[in-house]
C-alpha atoms as a PDB file:
ATOM      1  CA  UNK A   1     -20.570  -8.017  23.920  1.00  0.00           C
ATOM      2  CA  UNK A   2     -22.320 -11.324  23.170  1.00  0.00           C
ATOM      3  CA  UNK A   3     -21.716 -11.669  19.441  1.00  0.00           C
ATOM      4  CA  UNK A   4     -20.085 -10.005  16.447  1.00  0.00           C
ATOM      5  CA  UNK A   5     -21.242  -9.955  12.836  1.00  0.00           C
ATOM      6  CA  UNK A   6     -18.624  -9.687  10.117  1.00  0.00           C
ATOM      7  CA  UNK A   7     -18.894  -9.364   6.343  1.00  0.00           C
ATOM      8  CA  UNK A   8     -17.465  -7.313   3.457  1.00  0.00           C
ATOM      9  CA  UNK A   9     -13.957  -8.813   3.772  1.00  0.00           C
ATOM     10  CA  UNK A  10     -13.135 -12.348   4.863  1.00  0.00           C
ATOM     11  CA  UNK A  11     -12.076 -12.859   8.460  1.00  0.00           C
ATOM     12  CA  UNK A  12      -9.154 -15.208   9.028  1.00  0.00           C
ATOM     13  CA  UNK A  13     -10.043 -18.460  10.760  1.00  0.00           C
ATOM     14  CA  UNK A  14      -7.393 -17.880  13.429  1.00  0.00           C
ATOM     15  CA  UNK A  15      -8.836 -14.434  14.169  1.00  0.00           C
ATOM     16  CA  UNK A  16     -12.371 -15.841  14.378  1.00  0.00           C
ATOM     17  CA  UNK A  17     -11.163 -18.574  16.731  1.00  0.00           C
ATOM     18  CA  UNK A  18      -9.451 -15.992  18.947  1.00  0.00           C
ATOM     19  CA  UNK A  19     -12.621 -13.881  19.237  1.00  0.00           C
ATOM     20  CA  UNK A  20     -14.657 -17.033  19.848  1.00  0.00           C
ATOM     21  CA  UNK A  21     -12.251 -18.086  22.620  1.00  0.00           C
ATOM     22  CA  UNK A  22     -12.981 -14.789  24.356  1.00  0.00           C
ATOM     23  CA  UNK A  23     -16.595 -15.896  24.610  1.00  0.00           C
ATOM     24  CA  UNK A  24     -17.884 -13.710  21.772  1.00  0.00           C
ATOM     25  CA  UNK A  25     -19.860 -15.552  19.095  1.00  0.00           C
ATOM     26  CA  UNK A  26     -18.696 -14.657  15.561  1.00  0.00           C
ATOM     27  CA  UNK A  27     -21.274 -14.774  12.766  1.00  0.00           C
ATOM     28  CA  UNK A  28     -19.782 -14.285   9.316  1.00  0.00           C
ATOM     29  CA  UNK A  29     -21.957 -13.542   6.316  1.00  0.00           C
ATOM     30  CA  UNK A  30     -21.580 -13.006   2.585  1.00  0.00           C
ATOM     31  CA  UNK A  31     -23.292 -10.935  -0.052  1.00  0.00           C
ATOM     32  CA  UNK A  32     -22.999  -8.391  -2.830  1.00  0.00           C
ATOM     33  CA  UNK A  33     -24.697  -5.129  -3.725  1.00  0.00           C
ATOM     34  CA  UNK A  34     -26.285  -7.074  -6.587  1.00  0.00           C
ATOM     35  CA  UNK A  35     -27.888  -9.484  -4.096  1.00  0.00           C
ATOM     36  CA  UNK A  36     -29.583  -6.830  -1.938  1.00  0.00           C
ATOM     37  CA  UNK A  37     -27.062  -7.463  -0.271  1.00  0.00           C
ATOM     38  CA  UNK A  38     -27.055 -10.828   1.549  1.00  0.00           C
ATOM     39  CA  UNK A  39     -26.544 -14.328   0.154  1.00  0.00           C
ATOM     40  CA  UNK A  40     -25.677 -16.399   3.206  1.00  0.00           C
ATOM     41  CA  UNK A  41     -24.872 -16.098   6.868  1.00  0.00           C
ATOM     42  CA  UNK A  42     -24.108 -17.858  10.098  1.00  0.00           C
ATOM     43  CA  UNK A  43     -26.596 -17.338  12.911  1.00  0.00           C
ATOM     44  CA  UNK A  44     -27.329 -18.687  16.406  1.00  0.00           C
ATOM     45  CA  UNK A  45     -27.567 -22.460  16.321  1.00  0.00           C
ATOM     46  CA  UNK A  46     -26.204 -22.674  12.777  1.00  0.00           C
ATOM     47  CA  UNK A  47     -22.556 -21.702  12.580  1.00  0.00           C
ATOM     48  CA  UNK A  48     -19.222 -22.955  11.291  1.00  0.00           C
ATOM     49  CA  UNK A  49     -16.128 -20.842  11.797  1.00  0.00           C
ATOM     50  CA  UNK A  50     -14.376 -20.251   8.496  1.00  0.00           C
ATOM     51  CA  UNK A  51     -17.602 -20.464   6.509  1.00  0.00           C
ATOM     52  CA  UNK A  52     -19.986 -17.667   5.495  1.00  0.00           C
ATOM     53  CA  UNK A  53     -22.933 -19.734   6.610  1.00  0.00           C
ATOM     54  CA  UNK A  54     -25.872 -21.198   4.743  1.00  0.00           C
ATOM     55  CA  UNK A  55     -27.866 -19.419   2.008  1.00  0.00           C
ATOM     56  CA  UNK A  56     -30.719 -17.381   3.472  1.00  0.00           C
ATOM     57  CA  UNK A  57     -34.295 -18.606   2.866  1.00  0.00           C
ATOM     58  CA  UNK A  58     -35.355 -18.341  -0.756  1.00  0.00           C
ATOM     59  CA  UNK A  59     -31.784 -18.119  -2.026  1.00  0.00           C
ATOM     60  CA  UNK A  60     -30.018 -20.935  -3.864  1.00  0.00           C
ATOM     61  CA  UNK A  61     -26.273 -21.181  -4.440  1.00  0.00           C
ATOM     62  CA  UNK A  62     -24.586 -23.305  -7.089  1.00  0.00           C
ATOM     63  CA  UNK A  63     -20.893 -23.831  -7.748  1.00  0.00           C
ATOM     64  CA  UNK A  64     -19.715 -23.701 -11.356  1.00  0.00           C
ATOM     65  CA  UNK A  65     -16.347 -25.489 -11.635  1.00  0.00           C
ATOM     66  CA  UNK A  66     -15.407 -24.080 -15.037  1.00  0.00           C
ATOM     67  CA  UNK A  67     -13.319 -21.305 -13.455  1.00  0.00           C
ATOM     68  CA  UNK A  68     -11.161 -23.701 -11.443  1.00  0.00           C
ATOM     69  CA  UNK A  69     -11.372 -26.983 -13.357  1.00  0.00           C
ATOM     70  CA  UNK A  70     -11.693 -28.613  -9.938  1.00  0.00           C
ATOM     71  CA  UNK A  71     -14.692 -30.680  -8.878  1.00  0.00           C
ATOM     72  CA  UNK A  72     -16.679 -29.066  -6.093  1.00  0.00           C
ATOM     73  CA  UNK A  73     -14.875 -25.726  -6.276  1.00  0.00           C
ATOM     74  CA  UNK A  74     -15.626 -22.891  -8.629  1.00  0.00           C
ATOM     75  CA  UNK A  75     -17.518 -19.669  -9.180  1.00  0.00           C
ATOM     76  CA  UNK A  76     -20.358 -18.969  -6.774  1.00  0.00           C
ATOM     77  CA  UNK A  77     -23.655 -18.582  -8.698  1.00  0.00           C
ATOM     78  CA  UNK A  78     -26.630 -17.084  -6.856  1.00  0.00           C
ATOM     79  CA  UNK A  79     -30.360 -17.459  -7.573  1.00  0.00           C
ATOM     80  CA  UNK A  80     -33.155 -15.779  -5.630  1.00  0.00           C
ATOM     81  CA  UNK A  81     -35.571 -12.861  -5.295  1.00  0.00           C
ATOM     82  CA  UNK A  82     -32.760 -10.760  -3.846  1.00  0.00           C
ATOM     83  CA  UNK A  83     -30.764 -10.895  -7.098  1.00  0.00           C
ATOM     84  CA  UNK A  84     -30.884  -7.695  -9.149  1.00  0.00           C
ATOM     85  CA  UNK A  85     -32.899  -7.510 -12.356  1.00  0.00           C
ATOM     86  CA  UNK A  86     -29.820  -6.291 -14.209  1.00  0.00           C
ATOM     87  CA  UNK A  87     -27.659  -3.307 -15.058  1.00  0.00           C
ATOM     88  CA  UNK A  88     -29.733  -0.466 -16.489  1.00  0.00           C
ATOM     89  CA  UNK A  89     -29.335  -0.184 -20.264  1.00  0.00           C
ATOM     90  CA  UNK A  90     -26.170  -2.327 -20.256  1.00  0.00           C
ATOM     91  CA  UNK A  91     -27.092  -5.523 -22.127  1.00  0.00           C
ATOM     92  CA  UNK A  92     -23.472  -6.554 -22.716  1.00  0.00           C
ATOM     93  CA  UNK A  93     -22.711  -6.323 -18.987  1.00  0.00           C
ATOM     94  CA  UNK A  94     -25.862  -8.296 -18.194  1.00  0.00           C
ATOM     95  CA  UNK A  95     -24.762 -11.060 -20.547  1.00  0.00           C
ATOM     96  CA  UNK A  96     -21.511 -11.329 -18.605  1.00  0.00           C
ATOM     97  CA  UNK A  97     -23.168 -11.107 -15.189  1.00  0.00           C
ATOM     98  CA  UNK A  98     -25.800 -13.828 -15.597  1.00  0.00           C
ATOM     99  CA  UNK A  99     -25.810 -17.487 -16.562  1.00  0.00           C
ATOM    100  CA  UNK A 100     -28.256 -18.644 -19.272  1.00  0.00           C
ATOM    101  CA  UNK A 101     -30.517 -19.892 -16.462  1.00  0.00           C
ATOM    102  CA  UNK A 102     -30.561 -16.489 -14.742  1.00  0.00           C
ATOM    103  CA  UNK A 103     -28.023 -17.059 -11.980  1.00  0.00           C
ATOM    104  CA  UNK A 104     -25.795 -14.178 -10.927  1.00  0.00           C
ATOM    105  CA  UNK A 105     -22.101 -14.735 -11.495  1.00  0.00           C
ATOM    106  CA  UNK A 106     -20.499 -13.347  -8.351  1.00  0.00           C
ATOM    107  CA  UNK A 107     -16.898 -13.483  -9.541  1.00  0.00           C
ATOM    108  CA  UNK A 108     -16.058 -15.196  -6.255  1.00  0.00           C
ATOM    109  CA  UNK A 109     -14.571 -18.668  -5.912  1.00  0.00           C
ATOM    110  CA  UNK A 110     -15.832 -21.045  -3.265  1.00  0.00           C
ATOM    111  CA  UNK A 111     -17.441 -24.338  -2.360  1.00  0.00           C
ATOM    112  CA  UNK A 112     -20.322 -25.853  -0.384  1.00  0.00           C
ATOM    113  CA  UNK A 113     -19.598 -28.485   2.244  1.00  0.00           C
ATOM    114  CA  UNK A 114     -21.738 -31.558   2.895  1.00  0.00           C
ATOM    115  CA  UNK A 115     -23.846 -29.629   5.398  1.00  0.00           C
ATOM    116  CA  UNK A 116     -24.643 -26.811   2.958  1.00  0.00           C
ATOM    117  CA  UNK A 117     -22.282 -24.216   4.448  1.00  0.00           C
ATOM    118  CA  UNK A 118     -20.685 -21.884   1.907  1.00  0.00           C
ATOM    119  CA  UNK A 119     -16.964 -21.095   1.906  1.00  0.00           C
ATOM    120  CA  UNK A 120     -15.485 -18.221  -0.111  1.00  0.00           C
ATOM    121  CA  UNK A 121     -11.859 -18.757  -1.072  1.00  0.00           C
ATOM    122  CA  UNK A 122     -11.060 -15.840  -3.385  1.00  0.00           C
ATOM    123  CA  UNK A 123     -11.810 -13.836  -6.503  1.00  0.00           C
ATOM    124  CA  UNK A 124     -11.619 -15.153 -10.062  1.00  0.00           C
ATOM    125  CA  UNK A 125      -9.714 -12.082 -11.246  1.00  0.00           C
ATOM    126  CA  UNK A 126      -7.004 -12.711  -8.629  1.00  0.00           C
ATOM    127  CA  UNK A 127      -6.626 -16.362  -9.583  1.00  0.00           C
ATOM    128  CA  UNK A 128      -3.761 -17.571 -11.750  1.00  0.00           C
ATOM    129  CA  UNK A 129      -2.501 -20.855 -13.135  1.00  0.00           C
ATOM    130  CA  UNK A 130       0.904 -22.374 -12.521  1.00  0.00           C
ATOM    131  CA  UNK A 131       2.980 -23.904 -15.290  1.00  0.00           C
ATOM    132  CA  UNK A 132       1.675 -27.341 -14.283  1.00  0.00           C
ATOM    133  CA  UNK A 133      -1.956 -26.251 -14.788  1.00  0.00           C
ATOM    134  CA  UNK A 134      -2.832 -25.930 -11.104  1.00  0.00           C
ATOM    135  CA  UNK A 135      -4.964 -22.922 -10.140  1.00  0.00           C
ATOM    136  CA  UNK A 136      -3.817 -20.736  -7.242  1.00  0.00           C
ATOM    137  CA  UNK A 137      -5.930 -18.266  -5.280  1.00  0.00           C
ATOM    138  CA  UNK A 138      -3.277 -16.112  -3.564  1.00  0.00           C
ATOM    139  CA  UNK A 139      -5.313 -13.814  -1.298  1.00  0.00           C
ATOM    140  CA  UNK A 140      -6.296 -16.340   1.406  1.00  0.00           C
ATOM    141  CA  UNK A 141      -2.758 -17.744   1.389  1.00  0.00           C
ATOM    142  CA  UNK A 142      -1.356 -14.254   1.910  1.00  0.00           C
ATOM    143  CA  UNK A 143      -3.748 -13.558   4.773  1.00  0.00           C
ATOM    144  CA  UNK A 144      -2.560 -16.719   6.507  1.00  0.00           C
ATOM    145  CA  UNK A 145       1.138 -15.849   6.152  1.00  0.00           C
ATOM    146  CA  UNK A 146       0.499 -12.305   7.381  1.00  0.00           C
ATOM    147  CA  UNK A 147      -0.322 -13.824  10.767  1.00  0.00           C
ATOM    148  CA  UNK A 148       3.420 -13.950  11.353  1.00  0.00           C
ATOM    149  CA  UNK A 149       4.463 -10.995  13.524  1.00  0.00           C
ATOM    150  CA  UNK A 150       7.543 -10.558  11.330  1.00  0.00           C
ATOM    151  CA  UNK A 151       5.529 -10.140   8.112  1.00  0.00           C
ATOM    152  CA  UNK A 152       4.017  -6.691   7.591  1.00  0.00           C
ATOM    153  CA  UNK A 153       2.725  -7.547   4.137  1.00  0.00           C
ATOM    154  CA  UNK A 154       3.144 -10.222   1.500  1.00  0.00           C
ATOM    155  CA  UNK A 155       2.272 -11.004  -2.103  1.00  0.00           C
ATOM    156  CA  UNK A 156       2.386 -14.504  -3.598  1.00  0.00           C
ATOM    157  CA  UNK A 157       2.853 -14.954  -7.344  1.00  0.00           C
ATOM    158  CA  UNK A 158       3.510 -17.762  -9.792  1.00  0.00           C
ATOM    159  CA  UNK A 159       1.439 -17.200 -12.944  1.00  0.00           C
ATOM    160  CA  UNK A 160       2.743 -19.478 -15.712  1.00  0.00           C
ATOM    161  CA  UNK A 161       5.727 -20.341 -13.543  1.00  0.00           C
ATOM    162  CA  UNK A 162       6.807 -23.734 -12.135  1.00  0.00           C
ATOM    163  CA  UNK A 163       6.094 -22.767  -8.511  1.00  0.00           C
ATOM    164  CA  UNK A 164       5.036 -19.905  -6.246  1.00  0.00           C
ATOM    165  CA  UNK A 165       7.332 -17.208  -4.914  1.00  0.00           C
ATOM    166  CA  UNK A 166       6.582 -14.443  -2.427  1.00  0.00           C
ATOM    167  CA  UNK A 167       7.494 -10.810  -1.918  1.00  0.00           C
ATOM    168  CA  UNK A 168       7.670 -10.387   1.871  1.00  0.00           C
ATOM    169  CA  UNK A 169       7.567  -6.982   3.543  1.00  0.00           C
ATOM    170  CA  UNK A 170       9.361  -7.266   6.872  1.00  0.00           C
ATOM    171  CA  UNK A 171       8.080  -5.801  10.119  1.00  0.00           C
ATOM    172  CA  UNK A 172      11.172  -3.951  11.414  1.00  0.00           C
ATOM    173  CA  UNK A 173       9.818  -3.444  14.933  1.00  0.00           C
ATOM    174  CA  UNK A 174       9.070  -7.142  15.376  1.00  0.00           C
ATOM    175  CA  UNK A 175      12.478  -8.045  13.959  1.00  0.00           C
ATOM    176  CA  UNK A 176      14.212  -5.654  16.354  1.00  0.00           C
ATOM    177  CA  UNK A 177      12.359  -7.194  19.290  1.00  0.00           C
ATOM    178  CA  UNK A 178      13.282 -10.705  18.108  1.00  0.00           C
ATOM    179  CA  UNK A 179      16.941  -9.714  17.753  1.00  0.00           C
ATOM    180  CA  UNK A 180      16.989  -8.263  21.266  1.00  0.00           C
ATOM    181  CA  UNK A 181      15.320 -11.328  22.786  1.00  0.00           C
ATOM    182  CA  UNK A 182      17.676 -13.751  21.028  1.00  0.00           C
ATOM    183  CA  UNK A 183      20.842 -11.662  21.405  1.00  0.00           C
ATOM    184  CA  UNK A 184      21.315 -11.427  17.649  1.00  0.00           C
ATOM    185  CA  UNK A 185      23.038  -8.411  16.104  1.00  0.00           C
ATOM    186  CA  UNK A 186      21.397  -7.901  12.745  1.00  0.00           C
ATOM    187  CA  UNK A 187      23.611  -6.974   9.810  1.00  0.00           C
ATOM    188  CA  UNK A 188      22.776  -4.257   7.302  1.00  0.00           C
ATOM    189  CA  UNK A 189      20.842  -4.464   5.147  1.00  0.00           C
ATOM    190  CA  UNK A 190      18.550  -6.602   7.270  1.00  0.00           C
ATOM    191  CA  UNK A 191      16.949  -8.038   4.125  1.00  0.00           C
ATOM    192  CA  UNK A 192      20.243  -9.754   3.339  1.00  0.00           C
ATOM    193  CA  UNK A 193      20.878 -11.138   6.806  1.00  0.00           C
ATOM    194  CA  UNK A 194      20.860 -14.970   6.539  1.00  0.00           C
ATOM    195  CA  UNK A 195      19.387 -15.301  10.030  1.00  0.00           C
ATOM    196  CA  UNK A 196      16.427 -13.142   9.018  1.00  0.00           C
ATOM    197  CA  UNK A 197      15.942 -15.280   5.926  1.00  0.00           C
ATOM    198  CA  UNK A 198      15.988 -18.391   8.105  1.00  0.00           C
ATOM    199  CA  UNK A 199      13.439 -16.815  10.443  1.00  0.00           C
ATOM    200  CA  UNK A 200      11.050 -15.932   7.614  1.00  0.00           C
ATOM    201  CA  UNK A 201      11.483 -19.366   6.026  1.00  0.00           C
ATOM    202  CA  UNK A 202      10.606 -20.971   9.364  1.00  0.00           C
ATOM    203  CA  UNK A 203       7.559 -18.715   9.722  1.00  0.00           C
ATOM    204  CA  UNK A 204       6.325 -19.647   6.255  1.00  0.00           C
ATOM    205  CA  UNK A 205       6.826 -23.338   7.013  1.00  0.00           C
ATOM    206  CA  UNK A 206       4.925 -22.912  10.274  1.00  0.00           C
ATOM    207  CA  UNK A 207       1.952 -21.150   8.737  1.00  0.00           C
ATOM    208  CA  UNK A 208       1.603 -22.923   5.374  1.00  0.00           C
ATOM    209  CA  UNK A 209       1.087 -26.382   6.891  1.00  0.00           C
ATOM    210  CA  UNK A 210      -2.486 -26.507   5.563  1.00  0.00           C
ATOM    211  CA  UNK A 211      -1.617 -25.234   2.071  1.00  0.00           C
ATOM    212  CA  UNK A 212      -1.715 -27.674  -0.800  1.00  0.00           C
ATOM    213  CA  UNK A 213       1.799 -28.543  -1.956  1.00  0.00           C
ATOM    214  CA  UNK A 214       1.688 -26.462  -5.124  1.00  0.00           C
ATOM    215  CA  UNK A 215       0.355 -23.434  -3.200  1.00  0.00           C
ATOM    216  CA  UNK A 216       3.378 -23.086  -0.929  1.00  0.00           C
ATOM    217  CA  UNK A 217       5.883 -20.363  -1.875  1.00  0.00           C
ATOM    218  CA  UNK A 218       9.271 -22.063  -2.272  1.00  0.00           C
ATOM    219  CA  UNK A 219      11.424 -18.934  -2.244  1.00  0.00           C
ATOM    220  CA  UNK A 220      10.932 -15.284  -1.396  1.00  0.00           C
ATOM    221  CA  UNK A 221      12.162 -11.725  -1.821  1.00  0.00           C
ATOM    222  CA  UNK A 222      12.576  -9.637   1.340  1.00  0.00           C
ATOM    223  CA  UNK A 223      11.929  -5.903   1.468  1.00  0.00           C
ATOM    224  CA  UNK A 224      11.396  -3.153   4.039  1.00  0.00           C
ATOM    225  CA  UNK A 225       9.285  -1.038   1.674  1.00  0.00           C
ATOM    226  CA  UNK A 226       5.658  -1.638   2.585  1.00  0.00           C
ATOM    227  CA  UNK A 227       2.838  -1.757   0.059  1.00  0.00           C
ATOM    228  CA  UNK A 228       1.003   1.579   0.273  1.00  0.00           C
ATOM    229  CA  UNK A 229      -1.309   3.680  -1.852  1.00  0.00           C
ATOM    230  CA  UNK A 230       1.336   6.419  -1.892  1.00  0.00           C
ATOM    231  CA  UNK A 231       3.937   4.221  -3.609  1.00  0.00           C
ATOM    232  CA  UNK A 232       1.360   2.731  -5.961  1.00  0.00           C
ATOM    233  CA  UNK A 233       1.431  -0.766  -4.487  1.00  0.00           C
ATOM    234  CA  UNK A 234      -2.091  -0.575  -3.022  1.00  0.00           C
ATOM    235  CA  UNK A 235      -5.422   0.645  -4.347  1.00  0.00           C
ATOM    236  CA  UNK A 236      -7.320   3.355  -2.432  1.00  0.00           C
ATOM    237  CA  UNK A 237      -9.290   0.494  -0.798  1.00  0.00           C
ATOM    238  CA  UNK A 238      -5.980  -1.086   0.327  1.00  0.00           C
ATOM    239  CA  UNK A 239      -5.949  -4.022  -2.070  1.00  0.00           C
ATOM    240  CA  UNK A 240      -2.594  -5.087  -3.523  1.00  0.00           C
ATOM    241  CA  UNK A 241      -1.856  -3.824  -7.031  1.00  0.00           C
ATOM    242  CA  UNK A 242      -0.261  -7.065  -8.154  1.00  0.00           C
ATOM    243  CA  UNK A 243       1.034  -5.736 -11.455  1.00  0.00           C
ATOM    244  CA  UNK A 244       2.740  -2.833  -9.708  1.00  0.00           C
ATOM    245  CA  UNK A 245       4.419  -5.103  -7.152  1.00  0.00           C
ATOM    246  CA  UNK A 246       5.501  -7.509  -9.898  1.00  0.00           C
ATOM    247  CA  UNK A 247       6.979  -4.658 -11.925  1.00  0.00           C
ATOM    248  CA  UNK A 248       8.852  -3.335  -8.885  1.00  0.00           C
ATOM    249  CA  UNK A 249      10.399  -6.716  -8.010  1.00  0.00           C
ATOM    250  CA  UNK A 250      10.517  -8.348 -11.453  1.00  0.00           C
ATOM    251  CA  UNK A 251      14.310  -8.598 -11.592  1.00  0.00           C
ATOM    252  CA  UNK A 252      14.577 -10.210  -8.161  1.00  0.00           C
ATOM    253  CA  UNK A 253      11.745 -12.642  -8.869  1.00  0.00           C
ATOM    254  CA  UNK A 254      13.239 -13.638 -12.218  1.00  0.00           C
ATOM    255  CA  UNK A 255      16.577 -14.220 -10.486  1.00  0.00           C
ATOM    256  CA  UNK A 256      14.924 -16.616  -8.030  1.00  0.00           C
ATOM    257  CA  UNK A 257      13.457 -18.684 -10.852  1.00  0.00           C
ATOM    258  CA  UNK A 258      16.770 -18.712 -12.749  1.00  0.00           C
ATOM    259  CA  UNK A 259      18.572 -19.871  -9.620  1.00  0.00           C
ATOM    260  CA  UNK A 260      16.025 -22.639  -9.052  1.00  0.00           C
ATOM    261  CA  UNK A 261      16.323 -23.781 -12.660  1.00  0.00           C
ATOM    262  CA  UNK A 262      20.106 -23.757 -12.436  1.00  0.00           C
ATOM    263  CA  UNK A 263      20.032 -25.821  -9.254  1.00  0.00           C
ATOM    264  CA  UNK A 264      17.585 -28.281 -10.809  1.00  0.00           C
ATOM    265  CA  UNK A 265      19.822 -28.640 -13.869  1.00  0.00           C
ATOM    266  CA  UNK A 266      22.897 -29.178 -11.715  1.00  0.00           C
ATOM    267  CA  UNK A 267      21.087 -31.853  -9.689  1.00  0.00           C
ATOM    268  CA  UNK A 268      19.916 -33.628 -12.833  1.00  0.00           C
ATOM    269  CA  UNK A 269      23.449 -33.805 -14.239  1.00  0.00           C
END
């Protein structure tokens, strides 16, 4: 194999670097059904790992910062002959889908670097705002933290809260191997074992080094129940049902915030 082409879902930078280190060129692209279906792509001689490449000939990409209130980052707007004419007999949907100048609103958040490479960082509908007004795009943060062998799944949340928290699904097999290697006898339940909490905290610290300060989850809930379609935590396409996870762990999450507030109050006095 000389090269691999990836699209549809974002590939983690660490994964792309691993494949690249094996001597296989990775070319990531980006597009939507509404753009027939390509917008941009990496290709031989023009490639940056982590990006989805440059817009293809005839296609123009603009970034509208209104969705993020952050200069240079915002919704990806696409212009070009590949963009659909519109939704058949759905004028209200067309009004939502297009800018006044005819650009397609992709619903994706991203930015263009100085060399014209496009980076996709998340979806507008998944974005939320912290209490301090900072916008957080959780999906790419979660994908980074899932690189830990001890994390089977994770959801980060903090909408209208002072900071981010995480619900971490433990990988029991990896934990058992770690316990055997280190000579640790895990207590039951493993989610309450302080050494496991220390391990997960260390893993988060290791992997969130490139997160912006407000993006880092300060505290976390541990669970052994994975997110699945059967328990209603995932969609049929294996995306996290954030409302369902929040409802399931609401009491534990609220307790974390109350504890943090109590500690802050005690420190202040």
